[in-house]
Amino acid sequence: MSELVSCQIENQVATITIQNGKVNAISHQVVDEHNQAFDQAEKT
């Protein structure tokens, strides 16, 4: 399974990016990974 959502944190700013092909569709996997990225950002 590939990573569809990435989270980069720099200087206390989180940038969450969706990389889901040409359509950037919101699938269940994208929603789950998006929530994980928010959790990661919230910890900093």
PDB file of N, CA and C in Angstrom:
ATOM      1  N   MET A   1       0.853  -1.174   0.000  1.00  0.00           N
ATOM      2  CA  MET A   1       0.000   0.000   0.000  1.00  0.00           C
ATOM      3  C   MET A   1       0.898   1.235   0.000  1.00  0.00           C
ATOM      4  N   SER A   2       0.587   2.181  -0.867  1.00  0.00           N
ATOM      5  CA  SER A   2       1.406   3.389  -0.945  1.00  0.00           C
ATOM      6  C   SER A   2       0.893   4.455   0.008  1.00  0.00           C
ATOM      7  N   GLU A   3       1.764   5.409   0.290  1.00  0.00           N
ATOM      8  CA  GLU A   3       1.387   6.522   1.162  1.00  0.00           C
ATOM      9  C   GLU A   3       0.661   7.563   0.314  1.00  0.00           C
ATOM     10  N   LEU A   4      -0.589   7.819   0.637  1.00  0.00           N
ATOM     11  CA  LEU A   4      -1.389   8.770  -0.124  1.00  0.00           C
ATOM     12  C   LEU A   4      -1.388  10.153   0.499  1.00  0.00           C
ATOM     13  N   VAL A   5      -1.123  10.218   1.795  1.00  0.00           N
ATOM     14  CA  VAL A   5      -1.115  11.491   2.507  1.00  0.00           C
ATOM     15  C   VAL A   5       0.224  11.627   3.214  1.00  0.00           C
ATOM     16  N   SER A   6       0.852  12.781   3.045  1.00  0.00           N
ATOM     17  CA  SER A   6       2.112  13.020   3.743  1.00  0.00           C
ATOM     18  C   SER A   6       1.961  14.232   4.645  1.00  0.00           C
ATOM     19  N   CYS A   7       2.764  14.242   5.699  1.00  0.00           N
ATOM     20  CA  CYS A   7       2.732  15.335   6.659  1.00  0.00           C
ATOM     21  C   CYS A   7       4.161  15.766   6.928  1.00  0.00           C
ATOM     22  N   GLN A   8       4.451  17.036   6.655  1.00  0.00           N
ATOM     23  CA  GLN A   8       5.755  17.604   6.962  1.00  0.00           C
ATOM     24  C   GLN A   8       5.550  18.707   7.982  1.00  0.00           C
ATOM     25  N   ILE A   9       6.385  18.684   9.027  1.00  0.00           N
ATOM     26  CA  ILE A   9       6.292  19.703  10.069  1.00  0.00           C
ATOM     27  C   ILE A   9       7.610  20.450  10.118  1.00  0.00           C
ATOM     28  N   GLU A  10       7.528  21.769   9.961  1.00  0.00           N
ATOM     29  CA  GLU A  10       8.712  22.607   9.992  1.00  0.00           C
ATOM     30  C   GLU A  10       8.346  23.923  10.667  1.00  0.00           C
ATOM     31  N   ASN A  11       9.139  24.299  11.662  1.00  0.00           N
ATOM     32  CA  ASN A  11       8.899  25.535  12.412  1.00  0.00           C
ATOM     33  C   ASN A  11       7.476  25.596  12.967  1.00  0.00           C
ATOM     34  N   GLN A  12       7.009  24.483  13.491  1.00  0.00           N
ATOM     35  CA  GLN A  12       5.692  24.341  14.105  1.00  0.00           C
ATOM     36  C   GLN A  12       4.545  24.588  13.130  1.00  0.00           C
ATOM     37  N   VAL A  13       4.803  24.373  11.825  1.00  0.00           N
ATOM     38  CA  VAL A  13       3.767  24.476  10.796  1.00  0.00           C
ATOM     39  C   VAL A  13       3.680  23.130  10.096  1.00  0.00           C
ATOM     40  N   ALA A  14       2.485  22.548  10.078  1.00  0.00           N
ATOM     41  CA  ALA A  14       2.277  21.259   9.430  1.00  0.00           C
ATOM     42  C   ALA A  14       1.713  21.474   8.034  1.00  0.00           C
ATOM     43  N   THR A  15       2.330  20.812   7.053  1.00  0.00           N
ATOM     44  CA  THR A  15       1.825  20.817   5.688  1.00  0.00           C
ATOM     45  C   THR A  15       1.395  19.399   5.357  1.00  0.00           C
ATOM     46  N   ILE A  16       0.093  19.228   5.134  1.00  0.00           N
ATOM     47  CA  ILE A  16      -0.469  17.916   4.835  1.00  0.00           C
ATOM     48  C   ILE A  16      -0.833  17.902   3.352  1.00  0.00           C
ATOM     49  N   THR A  17      -0.290  16.908   2.631  1.00  0.00           N
ATOM     50  CA  THR A  17      -0.451  16.838   1.183  1.00  0.00           C
ATOM     51  C   THR A  17      -1.099  15.519   0.789  1.00  0.00           C
ATOM     52  N   ILE A  18      -2.109  15.593  -0.092  1.00  0.00           N
ATOM     53  CA  ILE A  18      -2.750  14.406  -0.642  1.00  0.00           C
ATOM     54  C   ILE A  18      -2.128  14.136  -2.009  1.00  0.00           C
ATOM     55  N   GLN A  19      -1.598  12.922  -2.199  1.00  0.00           N
ATOM     56  CA  GLN A  19      -1.012  12.490  -3.467  1.00  0.00           C
ATOM     57  C   GLN A  19      -1.755  11.235  -3.914  1.00  0.00           C
ATOM     58  N   ASN A  20      -2.882  11.401  -4.558  1.00  0.00           N
ATOM     59  CA  ASN A  20      -3.708  10.257  -4.949  1.00  0.00           C
ATOM     60  C   ASN A  20      -3.978  10.284  -6.454  1.00  0.00           C
ATOM     61  N   GLY A  21      -2.915  10.341  -7.234  1.00  0.00           N
ATOM     62  CA  GLY A  21      -3.056  10.286  -8.682  1.00  0.00           C
ATOM     63  C   GLY A  21      -3.655  11.546  -9.281  1.00  0.00           C
ATOM     64  N   LYS A  22      -4.142  11.420 -10.474  1.00  0.00           N
ATOM     65  CA  LYS A  22      -4.654  12.570 -11.220  1.00  0.00           C
ATOM     66  C   LYS A  22      -5.920  13.161 -10.623  1.00  0.00           C
ATOM     67  N   VAL A  23      -6.724  12.340  -9.983  1.00  0.00           N
ATOM     68  CA  VAL A  23      -8.026  12.821  -9.517  1.00  0.00           C
ATOM     69  C   VAL A  23      -8.022  13.280  -8.063  1.00  0.00           C
ATOM     70  N   ASN A  24      -6.980  12.907  -7.290  1.00  0.00           N
ATOM     71  CA  ASN A  24      -6.940  13.220  -5.860  1.00  0.00           C
ATOM     72  C   ASN A  24      -8.260  12.882  -5.168  1.00  0.00           C
ATOM     73  N   ALA A  25      -8.798  11.722  -5.491  1.00  0.00           N
ATOM     74  CA  ALA A  25     -10.073  11.280  -4.932  1.00  0.00           C
ATOM     75  C   ALA A  25      -9.957  11.025  -3.437  1.00  0.00           C
ATOM     76  N   ILE A  26     -11.037  11.248  -2.736  1.00  0.00           N
ATOM     77  CA  ILE A  26     -11.090  11.033  -1.293  1.00  0.00           C
ATOM     78  C   ILE A  26     -11.663   9.635  -1.036  1.00  0.00           C
ATOM     79  N   SER A  27     -10.778   8.668  -0.885  1.00  0.00           N
ATOM     80  CA  SER A  27     -11.174   7.293  -0.593  1.00  0.00           C
ATOM     81  C   SER A  27     -11.104   7.067   0.920  1.00  0.00           C
ATOM     82  N   HIS A  28     -11.522   5.895   1.339  1.00  0.00           N
ATOM     83  CA  HIS A  28     -11.434   5.562   2.765  1.00  0.00           C
ATOM     84  C   HIS A  28      -9.985   5.592   3.238  1.00  0.00           C
ATOM     85  N   GLN A  29      -9.079   5.106   2.394  1.00  0.00           N
ATOM     86  CA  GLN A  29      -7.662   5.106   2.750  1.00  0.00           C
ATOM     87  C   GLN A  29      -7.136   6.533   2.915  1.00  0.00           C
ATOM     88  N   VAL A  30      -7.548   7.433   2.027  1.00  0.00           N
ATOM     89  CA  VAL A  30      -7.113   8.830   2.119  1.00  0.00           C
ATOM     90  C   VAL A  30      -7.642   9.457   3.402  1.00  0.00           C
ATOM     91  N   VAL A  31      -8.884   9.201   3.734  1.00  0.00           N
ATOM     92  CA  VAL A  31      -9.468   9.750   4.971  1.00  0.00           C
ATOM     93  C   VAL A  31      -8.706   9.231   6.186  1.00  0.00           C
ATOM     94  N   ASP A  32      -8.407   7.933   6.217  1.00  0.00           N
ATOM     95  CA  ASP A  32      -7.669   7.353   7.339  1.00  0.00           C
ATOM     96  C   ASP A  32      -6.280   7.973   7.469  1.00  0.00           C
ATOM     97  N   GLU A  33      -5.565   8.080   6.343  1.00  0.00           N
ATOM     98  CA  GLU A  33      -4.223   8.647   6.387  1.00  0.00           C
ATOM     99  C   GLU A  33      -4.261  10.139   6.720  1.00  0.00           C
ATOM    100  N   HIS A  34      -5.289  10.832   6.269  1.00  0.00           N
ATOM    101  CA  HIS A  34      -5.470  12.250   6.579  1.00  0.00           C
ATOM    102  C   HIS A  34      -5.630  12.428   8.083  1.00  0.00           C
ATOM    103  N   ASN A  35      -6.445  11.588   8.696  1.00  0.00           N
ATOM    104  CA  ASN A  35      -6.639  11.642  10.142  1.00  0.00           C
ATOM    105  C   ASN A  35      -5.344  11.337  10.896  1.00  0.00           C
ATOM    106  N   GLN A  36      -4.564  10.389  10.391  1.00  0.00           N
ATOM    107  CA  GLN A  36      -3.276  10.076  11.009  1.00  0.00           C
ATOM    108  C   GLN A  36      -2.331  11.278  10.915  1.00  0.00           C
ATOM    109  N   ALA A  37      -2.360  11.974   9.779  1.00  0.00           N
ATOM    110  CA  ALA A  37      -1.514  13.152   9.607  1.00  0.00           C
ATOM    111  C   ALA A  37      -1.916  14.250  10.582  1.00  0.00           C
ATOM    112  N   PHE A  38      -3.221  14.444  10.786  1.00  0.00           N
ATOM    113  CA  PHE A  38      -3.682  15.429  11.772  1.00  0.00           C
ATOM    114  C   PHE A  38      -3.219  15.052  13.174  1.00  0.00           C
ATOM    115  N   ASP A  39      -3.297  13.756  13.503  1.00  0.00           N
ATOM    116  CA  ASP A  39      -2.821  13.290  14.815  1.00  0.00           C
ATOM    117  C   ASP A  39      -1.345  13.587  14.977  1.00  0.00           C
ATOM    118  N   GLN A  40      -0.559  13.327  13.914  1.00  0.00           N
ATOM    119  CA  GLN A  40       0.886  13.587  13.961  1.00  0.00           C
ATOM    120  C   GLN A  40       1.153  15.088  14.147  1.00  0.00           C
ATOM    121  N   ALA A  41       0.433  15.921  13.439  1.00  0.00           N
ATOM    122  CA  ALA A  41       0.624  17.375  13.540  1.00  0.00           C
ATOM    123  C   ALA A  41       0.234  17.884  14.919  1.00  0.00           C
ATOM    124  N   GLU A  42      -0.800  17.301  15.477  1.00  0.00           N
ATOM    125  CA  GLU A  42      -1.292  17.728  16.787  1.00  0.00           C
ATOM    126  C   GLU A  42      -0.281  17.452  17.900  1.00  0.00           C
ATOM    127  N   LYS A  43       0.569  16.441  17.714  1.00  0.00           N
ATOM    128  CA  LYS A  43       1.546  16.060  18.742  1.00  0.00           C
ATOM    129  C   LYS A  43       2.708  17.057  18.851  1.00  0.00           C
ATOM    130  N   THR A  44       2.895  17.905  17.833  1.00  0.00           N
ATOM    131  CA  THR A  44       4.028  18.844  17.875  1.00  0.00           C
ATOM    132  C   THR A  44       3.625  20.204  18.354  1.00  0.00           C
TER     133      THR A  44
END
